[in-house]
């Protein structure tokens, strides 16, 4: 088989411009998310990354580069506050825990009710079967052995 007209059959991944990192070192967002949060054209953001004005990079891929931007370099990426939650938040957390436990208990109680209902239905069916047997036995006891004997009554 001769060489492929375009060279190699396997396409080499696209490579980013020199100086652009290719391995993220932290929390990143894709280019489209950065476009949405910055309100800028994707080409402007890519140019800012290649010029070093915006922290980000590009992951080599076969078809095109997978551009990304570090989340902390974008607006709206507020760093988590180090202040402890106030008493209201602690109360709400305690309520969530309490309500979750109450929900679990209610689910278990509902399952017990369903099991008891099944057991009650089984017992009622057994009672009906015994009552039918008793009725049959009583009918046999009360009915004379020969129909002619009924004329004497």
N, C-alpha and C. Protein backbone atom coordinates (compact mmCIF):
# COMPACT_ATOMS: atom_id res chain seq x y z
N UNK A 1 0.83 -1.17 0.00
CA UNK A 1 0.00 0.00 0.00
C UNK A 1 0.88 1.24 0.00
N UNK A 2 0.61 2.19 -0.85
CA UNK A 2 1.43 3.39 -0.99
C UNK A 2 1.15 4.39 0.09
N UNK A 3 1.92 5.47 0.14
CA UNK A 3 1.69 6.50 1.17
C UNK A 3 0.36 7.20 0.96
N UNK A 4 -0.20 7.65 2.05
CA UNK A 4 -1.48 8.37 2.03
C UNK A 4 -1.25 9.74 1.39
N UNK A 5 -2.20 10.22 0.54
CA UNK A 5 -1.97 11.49 -0.18
C UNK A 5 -1.71 12.69 0.73
N UNK A 6 -2.27 12.69 1.94
CA UNK A 6 -2.05 13.86 2.81
C UNK A 6 -0.93 13.58 3.82
N UNK A 7 -0.17 12.55 3.61
CA UNK A 7 0.90 12.23 4.55
C UNK A 7 0.49 11.05 5.40
N UNK A 8 0.51 11.21 6.69
CA UNK A 8 0.18 10.14 7.63
C UNK A 8 -1.33 9.94 7.71
N UNK A 9 -1.76 8.70 7.94
CA UNK A 9 -3.18 8.42 8.11
C UNK A 9 -3.66 8.97 9.45
N UNK A 10 -2.83 8.94 10.45
CA UNK A 10 -3.20 9.44 11.78
C UNK A 10 -2.89 10.93 11.84
N UNK A 11 -3.87 11.71 12.15
CA UNK A 11 -3.70 13.16 12.27
C UNK A 11 -3.07 13.46 13.61
N UNK A 12 -2.02 14.24 13.60
CA UNK A 12 -1.37 14.63 14.85
C UNK A 12 -2.24 15.67 15.55
N UNK A 13 -2.29 15.64 16.89
CA UNK A 13 -3.10 16.65 17.60
C UNK A 13 -2.58 18.05 17.32
N UNK A 14 -3.50 18.98 17.29
CA UNK A 14 -3.11 20.39 17.12
C UNK A 14 -2.33 20.81 18.35
N UNK A 15 -1.36 21.65 18.15
CA UNK A 15 -0.52 22.13 19.24
C UNK A 15 -0.78 23.61 19.45
N UNK A 16 -0.79 24.03 20.74
CA UNK A 16 -1.00 25.46 21.01
C UNK A 16 0.24 26.27 20.65
N UNK A 17 0.07 27.59 20.59
CA UNK A 17 1.24 28.45 20.32
C UNK A 17 2.30 28.27 21.41
N UNK A 18 3.54 28.58 21.10
CA UNK A 18 4.62 28.44 22.10
C UNK A 18 4.32 29.30 23.33
N UNK A 19 4.63 28.73 24.49
CA UNK A 19 4.44 29.45 25.75
C UNK A 19 3.07 29.25 26.38
N UNK A 20 2.14 28.59 25.70
CA UNK A 20 0.80 28.35 26.26
C UNK A 20 0.82 26.99 26.94
N UNK A 21 0.40 26.95 28.19
CA UNK A 21 0.41 25.68 28.91
C UNK A 21 -0.61 24.70 28.34
N UNK A 22 -0.34 23.41 28.52
CA UNK A 22 -1.21 22.37 27.97
C UNK A 22 -1.77 21.44 29.05
N UNK A 23 -1.38 21.67 30.30
CA UNK A 23 -1.88 20.85 31.39
C UNK A 23 -2.40 21.76 32.49
N UNK A 24 -3.70 21.73 32.74
CA UNK A 24 -4.25 22.60 33.79
C UNK A 24 -3.67 22.25 35.16
N UNK A 25 -3.45 23.26 35.95
CA UNK A 25 -2.90 23.10 37.30
C UNK A 25 -3.86 23.66 38.33
N UNK A 26 -5.10 23.32 38.24
CA UNK A 26 -6.10 23.85 39.17
C UNK A 26 -7.48 23.79 38.53
N UNK A 27 -8.41 24.49 39.15
CA UNK A 27 -9.80 24.49 38.67
C UNK A 27 -9.92 25.40 37.46
N UNK A 28 -10.42 24.84 36.35
CA UNK A 28 -10.54 25.60 35.10
C UNK A 28 -11.97 25.53 34.59
N UNK A 29 -12.29 26.45 33.68
CA UNK A 29 -13.58 26.43 32.99
C UNK A 29 -13.28 26.43 31.50
N UNK A 30 -14.16 25.82 30.70
CA UNK A 30 -13.94 25.82 29.25
C UNK A 30 -14.07 27.22 28.65
N UNK A 31 -13.56 27.37 27.47
CA UNK A 31 -13.55 28.67 26.79
C UNK A 31 -14.95 29.28 26.72
N UNK A 32 -15.95 28.49 26.38
CA UNK A 32 -17.31 29.04 26.23
C UNK A 32 -17.84 29.62 27.55
N UNK A 33 -17.49 29.00 28.68
CA UNK A 33 -17.90 29.54 29.98
C UNK A 33 -17.19 30.87 30.23
N UNK A 34 -15.91 30.94 29.87
CA UNK A 34 -15.16 32.20 30.02
C UNK A 34 -15.76 33.28 29.13
N UNK A 35 -16.18 32.91 27.92
CA UNK A 35 -16.82 33.87 27.00
C UNK A 35 -18.07 34.42 27.65
N UNK A 36 -18.88 33.54 28.23
CA UNK A 36 -20.13 33.96 28.86
C UNK A 36 -19.86 34.87 30.06
N UNK A 37 -18.89 34.52 30.88
CA UNK A 37 -18.65 35.30 32.09
C UNK A 37 -17.93 36.61 31.83
N UNK A 38 -17.10 36.65 30.80
CA UNK A 38 -16.37 37.88 30.49
C UNK A 38 -17.12 38.76 29.49
N UNK A 39 -18.04 38.14 28.75
CA UNK A 39 -18.78 38.91 27.74
C UNK A 39 -17.90 39.33 26.58
N UNK A 40 -16.91 38.50 26.23
CA UNK A 40 -15.99 38.84 25.14
C UNK A 40 -16.00 37.75 24.09
N UNK A 41 -15.48 38.07 22.93
CA UNK A 41 -15.37 37.14 21.82
C UNK A 41 -14.34 36.06 22.17
N UNK A 42 -14.56 34.82 21.74
CA UNK A 42 -13.59 33.76 22.04
C UNK A 42 -12.18 34.08 21.53
N UNK A 43 -12.07 34.72 20.35
CA UNK A 43 -10.75 35.06 19.81
C UNK A 43 -10.01 36.05 20.71
N UNK A 44 -10.76 36.96 21.34
CA UNK A 44 -10.15 37.93 22.24
C UNK A 44 -9.59 37.22 23.47
N UNK A 45 -10.35 36.26 23.98
CA UNK A 45 -9.90 35.51 25.17
C UNK A 45 -8.69 34.66 24.82
N UNK A 46 -8.69 34.00 23.67
CA UNK A 46 -7.55 33.19 23.24
C UNK A 46 -6.31 34.07 23.09
N UNK A 47 -6.47 35.26 22.52
CA UNK A 47 -5.35 36.19 22.36
C UNK A 47 -4.82 36.62 23.74
N UNK A 48 -5.74 36.84 24.70
CA UNK A 48 -5.31 37.23 26.05
C UNK A 48 -4.53 36.09 26.72
N UNK A 49 -4.94 34.85 26.46
CA UNK A 49 -4.21 33.71 27.03
C UNK A 49 -2.83 33.60 26.41
N UNK A 50 -2.75 33.70 25.07
CA UNK A 50 -1.45 33.57 24.39
C UNK A 50 -0.52 34.73 24.73
N UNK A 51 -1.08 35.92 25.00
CA UNK A 51 -0.25 37.08 25.37
C UNK A 51 0.13 37.06 26.84
N UNK A 52 -0.49 36.16 27.64
CA UNK A 52 -0.17 36.09 29.06
C UNK A 52 -0.97 37.06 29.91
N UNK A 53 -2.00 37.69 29.34
CA UNK A 53 -2.82 38.63 30.11
C UNK A 53 -3.94 37.93 30.88
N UNK A 54 -4.22 36.68 30.52
CA UNK A 54 -5.27 35.91 31.19
C UNK A 54 -4.72 34.51 31.43
N UNK A 55 -4.86 34.05 32.68
CA UNK A 55 -4.35 32.71 33.02
C UNK A 55 -5.23 31.65 32.40
N UNK A 56 -4.63 30.80 31.59
CA UNK A 56 -5.35 29.72 30.93
C UNK A 56 -4.39 28.91 30.09
N UNK A 57 -4.95 28.09 29.20
CA UNK A 57 -4.13 27.26 28.34
C UNK A 57 -4.98 26.55 27.31
N UNK A 58 -4.34 25.58 26.63
CA UNK A 58 -5.03 24.83 25.59
C UNK A 58 -4.59 23.38 25.64
N UNK A 59 -5.56 22.48 25.64
CA UNK A 59 -5.26 21.05 25.63
C UNK A 59 -5.21 20.59 24.18
N UNK A 60 -4.11 19.96 23.76
CA UNK A 60 -4.01 19.49 22.37
C UNK A 60 -5.06 18.41 22.08
N UNK A 61 -5.75 18.57 20.97
CA UNK A 61 -6.73 17.59 20.50
C UNK A 61 -6.54 17.39 19.01
N UNK A 62 -7.14 16.34 18.46
CA UNK A 62 -6.96 16.04 17.04
C UNK A 62 -7.54 17.13 16.14
N UNK A 63 -8.77 17.52 16.39
CA UNK A 63 -9.44 18.48 15.51
C UNK A 63 -9.08 19.93 15.81
N UNK A 64 -9.17 20.30 17.09
CA UNK A 64 -8.86 21.68 17.48
C UNK A 64 -8.45 21.68 18.95
N UNK A 65 -7.89 22.80 19.36
CA UNK A 65 -7.42 22.92 20.73
C UNK A 65 -8.59 23.07 21.70
N UNK A 66 -8.45 22.51 22.89
CA UNK A 66 -9.45 22.67 23.93
C UNK A 66 -8.99 23.78 24.88
N UNK A 67 -9.41 24.99 24.62
CA UNK A 67 -8.98 26.15 25.41
C UNK A 67 -9.70 26.17 26.75
N UNK A 68 -8.98 26.62 27.77
CA UNK A 68 -9.56 26.75 29.10
C UNK A 68 -9.00 27.98 29.79
N UNK A 69 -9.72 28.44 30.82
CA UNK A 69 -9.30 29.59 31.62
C UNK A 69 -9.43 29.18 33.08
N UNK A 70 -8.49 29.62 33.89
CA UNK A 70 -8.57 29.32 35.32
C UNK A 70 -9.76 30.03 35.94
N UNK A 71 -10.51 29.31 36.74
CA UNK A 71 -11.75 29.84 37.32
C UNK A 71 -11.49 31.07 38.18
N UNK A 72 -10.36 31.07 38.89
CA UNK A 72 -10.10 32.21 39.78
C UNK A 72 -9.67 33.46 39.01
N UNK A 73 -9.43 33.34 37.70
CA UNK A 73 -9.07 34.50 36.89
C UNK A 73 -10.30 35.19 36.30
N UNK A 74 -11.47 34.64 36.58
CA UNK A 74 -12.71 35.19 36.01
C UNK A 74 -13.52 35.91 37.09
N UNK A 75 -14.30 36.91 36.69
CA UNK A 75 -15.18 37.56 37.66
C UNK A 75 -16.31 36.60 38.05
N UNK A 76 -16.81 36.81 39.24
CA UNK A 76 -17.89 35.95 39.72
C UNK A 76 -17.38 34.68 40.34
N UNK A 77 -16.08 34.52 40.39
CA UNK A 77 -15.49 33.35 41.02
C UNK A 77 -15.02 33.77 42.40
N UNK A 78 -15.96 34.08 43.25
CA UNK A 78 -15.63 34.54 44.60
C UNK A 78 -14.97 33.42 45.38
N UNK A 79 -13.89 33.78 46.02
CA UNK A 79 -13.20 32.79 46.86
C UNK A 79 -14.07 32.47 48.07
N UNK A 80 -14.04 31.23 48.52
CA UNK A 80 -14.85 30.88 49.68
C UNK A 80 -14.41 31.69 50.89
N UNK A 81 -15.39 32.15 51.64
CA UNK A 81 -15.09 32.96 52.81
C UNK A 81 -14.61 32.07 53.94
N UNK A 82 -13.69 32.59 54.71
CA UNK A 82 -13.12 31.82 55.81
C UNK A 82 -13.89 32.05 57.10
N UNK A 83 -14.86 32.94 57.09
CA UNK A 83 -15.61 33.21 58.31
C UNK A 83 -16.54 32.05 58.60
N UNK A 84 -16.64 31.67 59.85
CA UNK A 84 -17.54 30.56 60.20
C UNK A 84 -18.99 30.98 59.99
N UNK A 85 -19.83 30.02 59.71
CA UNK A 85 -21.24 30.35 59.50
C UNK A 85 -21.87 30.88 60.78
N UNK A 86 -22.83 31.76 60.60
CA UNK A 86 -23.52 32.36 61.75
C UNK A 86 -24.46 31.36 62.40
N UNK A 87 -25.04 31.77 63.52
CA UNK A 87 -25.94 30.86 64.24
C UNK A 87 -27.18 30.48 63.42
N UNK A 88 -27.63 31.39 62.55
CA UNK A 88 -28.79 31.06 61.72
C UNK A 88 -28.48 29.90 60.78
N UNK A 89 -27.28 29.93 60.19
CA UNK A 89 -26.89 28.86 59.27
C UNK A 89 -26.74 27.55 60.04
N UNK A 90 -26.16 27.63 61.23
CA UNK A 90 -26.01 26.42 62.04
C UNK A 90 -27.38 25.85 62.43
N UNK A 91 -28.32 26.72 62.76
CA UNK A 91 -29.68 26.26 63.08
C UNK A 91 -30.32 25.59 61.86
N UNK A 92 -30.14 26.19 60.70
CA UNK A 92 -30.71 25.61 59.49
C UNK A 92 -30.08 24.25 59.18
N UNK A 93 -28.79 24.14 59.38
CA UNK A 93 -28.13 22.85 59.16
C UNK A 93 -28.67 21.80 60.11
N UNK A 94 -28.85 22.19 61.38
CA UNK A 94 -29.40 21.26 62.37
C UNK A 94 -30.82 20.84 61.98
N UNK A 95 -31.60 21.79 61.47
CA UNK A 95 -32.96 21.45 61.03
C UNK A 95 -32.93 20.48 59.85
N UNK A 96 -32.01 20.69 58.92
CA UNK A 96 -31.91 19.79 57.77
C UNK A 96 -31.57 18.37 58.25
N UNK A 97 -30.63 18.26 59.17
CA UNK A 97 -30.26 16.95 59.70
C UNK A 97 -31.45 16.32 60.40
N UNK A 98 -32.13 17.10 61.23
CA UNK A 98 -33.29 16.59 61.97
C UNK A 98 -34.40 16.16 61.02
N UNK A 99 -34.70 16.99 60.03
CA UNK A 99 -35.76 16.65 59.09
C UNK A 99 -35.39 15.45 58.22
N UNK A 100 -34.13 15.32 57.89
CA UNK A 100 -33.69 14.14 57.11
C UNK A 100 -33.90 12.87 57.93
N UNK A 101 -33.56 12.92 59.21
CA UNK A 101 -33.76 11.76 60.07
C UNK A 101 -35.25 11.46 60.23
N UNK A 102 -36.07 12.50 60.41
CA UNK A 102 -37.51 12.30 60.52
C UNK A 102 -38.07 11.68 59.24
N UNK A 103 -37.56 12.12 58.10
CA UNK A 103 -37.99 11.55 56.82
C UNK A 103 -37.64 10.07 56.74
N UNK A 104 -36.44 9.71 57.17
CA UNK A 104 -36.05 8.30 57.17
C UNK A 104 -36.97 7.48 58.07
N UNK A 105 -37.30 8.02 59.24
CA UNK A 105 -38.19 7.31 60.16
C UNK A 105 -39.58 7.15 59.56
N UNK A 106 -40.08 8.18 58.90
CA UNK A 106 -41.39 8.09 58.27
C UNK A 106 -41.41 7.06 57.14
N UNK A 107 -40.36 6.99 56.39
CA UNK A 107 -40.28 5.99 55.32
C UNK A 107 -40.29 4.59 55.91
N UNK A 108 -39.53 4.38 57.00
CA UNK A 108 -39.52 3.06 57.66
C UNK A 108 -40.89 2.73 58.22
N UNK A 109 -41.57 3.70 58.84
CA UNK A 109 -42.90 3.47 59.39
C UNK A 109 -43.89 3.13 58.28
N UNK A 110 -43.80 3.81 57.16
CA UNK A 110 -44.68 3.53 56.03
C UNK A 110 -44.48 2.10 55.55
N UNK A 111 -43.23 1.67 55.49
CA UNK A 111 -42.95 0.30 55.06
C UNK A 111 -43.54 -0.70 56.05
N UNK A 112 -43.45 -0.40 57.35
CA UNK A 112 -44.04 -1.28 58.37
C UNK A 112 -45.56 -1.34 58.20
N UNK A 113 -46.18 -0.20 57.90
CA UNK A 113 -47.63 -0.20 57.66
C UNK A 113 -48.00 -1.06 56.46
N UNK A 114 -47.23 -0.96 55.40
CA UNK A 114 -47.50 -1.78 54.22
C UNK A 114 -47.34 -3.26 54.53
N UNK A 115 -46.31 -3.60 55.31
CA UNK A 115 -46.11 -4.99 55.72
C UNK A 115 -47.27 -5.47 56.59
N UNK A 116 -47.72 -4.64 57.53
CA UNK A 116 -48.83 -5.00 58.40
C UNK A 116 -50.12 -5.17 57.59
N UNK A 117 -50.32 -4.32 56.60
CA UNK A 117 -51.50 -4.43 55.76
C UNK A 117 -51.50 -5.76 55.01
N UNK A 118 -50.32 -6.14 54.49
CA UNK A 118 -50.22 -7.43 53.81
C UNK A 118 -50.52 -8.56 54.78
N UNK A 119 -49.98 -8.49 55.99
CA UNK A 119 -50.22 -9.53 56.99
C UNK A 119 -51.70 -9.58 57.37
N UNK A 120 -52.32 -8.41 57.50
CA UNK A 120 -53.76 -8.35 57.85
C UNK A 120 -54.59 -8.96 56.73
N UNK A 121 -54.26 -8.65 55.50
CA UNK A 121 -54.98 -9.23 54.38
C UNK A 121 -54.82 -10.75 54.34
N UNK A 122 -53.60 -11.23 54.63
CA UNK A 122 -53.37 -12.67 54.66
C UNK A 122 -54.20 -13.32 55.77
N UNK A 123 -54.21 -12.68 56.95
CA UNK A 123 -54.99 -13.21 58.08
C UNK A 123 -56.48 -13.19 57.76
N UNK A 124 -56.96 -12.11 57.14
CA UNK A 124 -58.38 -12.03 56.79
C UNK A 124 -58.75 -13.12 55.79
N UNK A 125 -57.89 -13.38 54.84
CA UNK A 125 -58.17 -14.43 53.86
C UNK A 125 -58.22 -15.80 54.53
N UNK A 126 -57.32 -16.02 55.47
CA UNK A 126 -57.34 -17.29 56.22
C UNK A 126 -58.64 -17.40 57.03
N UNK A 127 -59.05 -16.30 57.66
CA UNK A 127 -60.30 -16.29 58.43
C UNK A 127 -61.48 -16.62 57.53
N UNK A 128 -61.52 -16.01 56.33
CA UNK A 128 -62.61 -16.29 55.40
C UNK A 128 -62.63 -17.77 55.00
N UNK A 129 -61.46 -18.35 54.78
CA UNK A 129 -61.38 -19.76 54.39
C UNK A 129 -61.90 -20.66 55.52
N UNK A 130 -61.53 -20.33 56.76
CA UNK A 130 -62.00 -21.11 57.91
C UNK A 130 -63.52 -20.96 58.05
N UNK A 131 -64.04 -19.74 57.85
CA UNK A 131 -65.48 -19.51 57.96
C UNK A 131 -66.23 -20.30 56.89
N UNK A 132 -65.66 -20.35 55.67
CA UNK A 132 -66.31 -21.14 54.61
C UNK A 132 -66.33 -22.62 54.98
N UNK A 133 -65.23 -23.13 55.53
CA UNK A 133 -65.17 -24.53 55.94
C UNK A 133 -66.19 -24.80 57.04
N UNK A 134 -66.29 -23.90 58.00
CA UNK A 134 -67.25 -24.05 59.11
C UNK A 134 -68.68 -24.07 58.56
N UNK A 135 -68.97 -23.15 57.61
CA UNK A 135 -70.30 -23.10 57.01
C UNK A 135 -70.61 -24.40 56.27
N UNK A 136 -69.65 -24.92 55.54
CA UNK A 136 -69.84 -26.19 54.84
C UNK A 136 -70.10 -27.32 55.83
N UNK A 137 -69.34 -27.35 56.92
CA UNK A 137 -69.52 -28.41 57.92
C UNK A 137 -70.88 -28.28 58.59
N UNK A 138 -71.27 -27.07 58.90
CA UNK A 138 -72.58 -26.84 59.53
C UNK A 138 -73.70 -27.25 58.58
N UNK A 139 -73.57 -26.93 57.31
CA UNK A 139 -74.59 -27.30 56.34
C UNK A 139 -74.71 -28.82 56.24
N UNK A 140 -73.59 -29.50 56.26
CA UNK A 140 -73.64 -30.96 56.21
C UNK A 140 -74.28 -31.54 57.46
N UNK A 141 -74.04 -30.94 58.59
CA UNK A 141 -74.59 -31.44 59.86
C UNK A 141 -76.10 -31.22 59.89
N UNK A 142 -76.58 -30.10 59.38
CA UNK A 142 -77.99 -29.76 59.44
C UNK A 142 -78.82 -30.42 58.33
N UNK A 143 -78.21 -30.79 57.23
CA UNK A 143 -78.93 -31.39 56.13
C UNK A 143 -79.10 -32.89 56.40
N UNK A 144 -80.35 -33.41 56.28
CA UNK A 144 -80.55 -34.85 56.51
C UNK A 144 -79.85 -35.67 55.43
N UNK A 145 -79.54 -36.91 55.72
CA UNK A 145 -78.85 -37.77 54.78
C UNK A 145 -79.65 -38.09 53.54
N UNK A 146 -81.01 -38.03 53.63
CA UNK A 146 -81.85 -38.39 52.49
C UNK A 146 -82.91 -37.30 52.36
N UNK A 147 -83.24 -36.88 51.13
CA UNK A 147 -84.18 -35.79 50.92
C UNK A 147 -85.58 -36.16 51.42
N UNK A 148 -85.90 -37.43 51.41
CA UNK A 148 -87.21 -37.86 51.88
C UNK A 148 -87.40 -37.61 53.34
N UNK A 149 -86.32 -37.59 54.11
CA UNK A 149 -86.42 -37.33 55.53
C UNK A 149 -86.85 -35.90 55.82
N UNK A 150 -86.72 -35.01 54.86
CA UNK A 150 -87.09 -33.61 55.09
C UNK A 150 -88.61 -33.44 55.14
N UNK A 151 -89.37 -34.37 54.57
CA UNK A 151 -90.82 -34.27 54.58
C UNK A 151 -91.37 -34.47 55.99
N UNK A 152 -90.64 -35.12 56.82
CA UNK A 152 -91.09 -35.36 58.19
C UNK A 152 -90.97 -34.14 59.05
N UNK A 153 -90.29 -33.15 58.65
CA UNK A 153 -90.07 -31.98 59.50
C UNK A 153 -91.26 -31.16 59.62
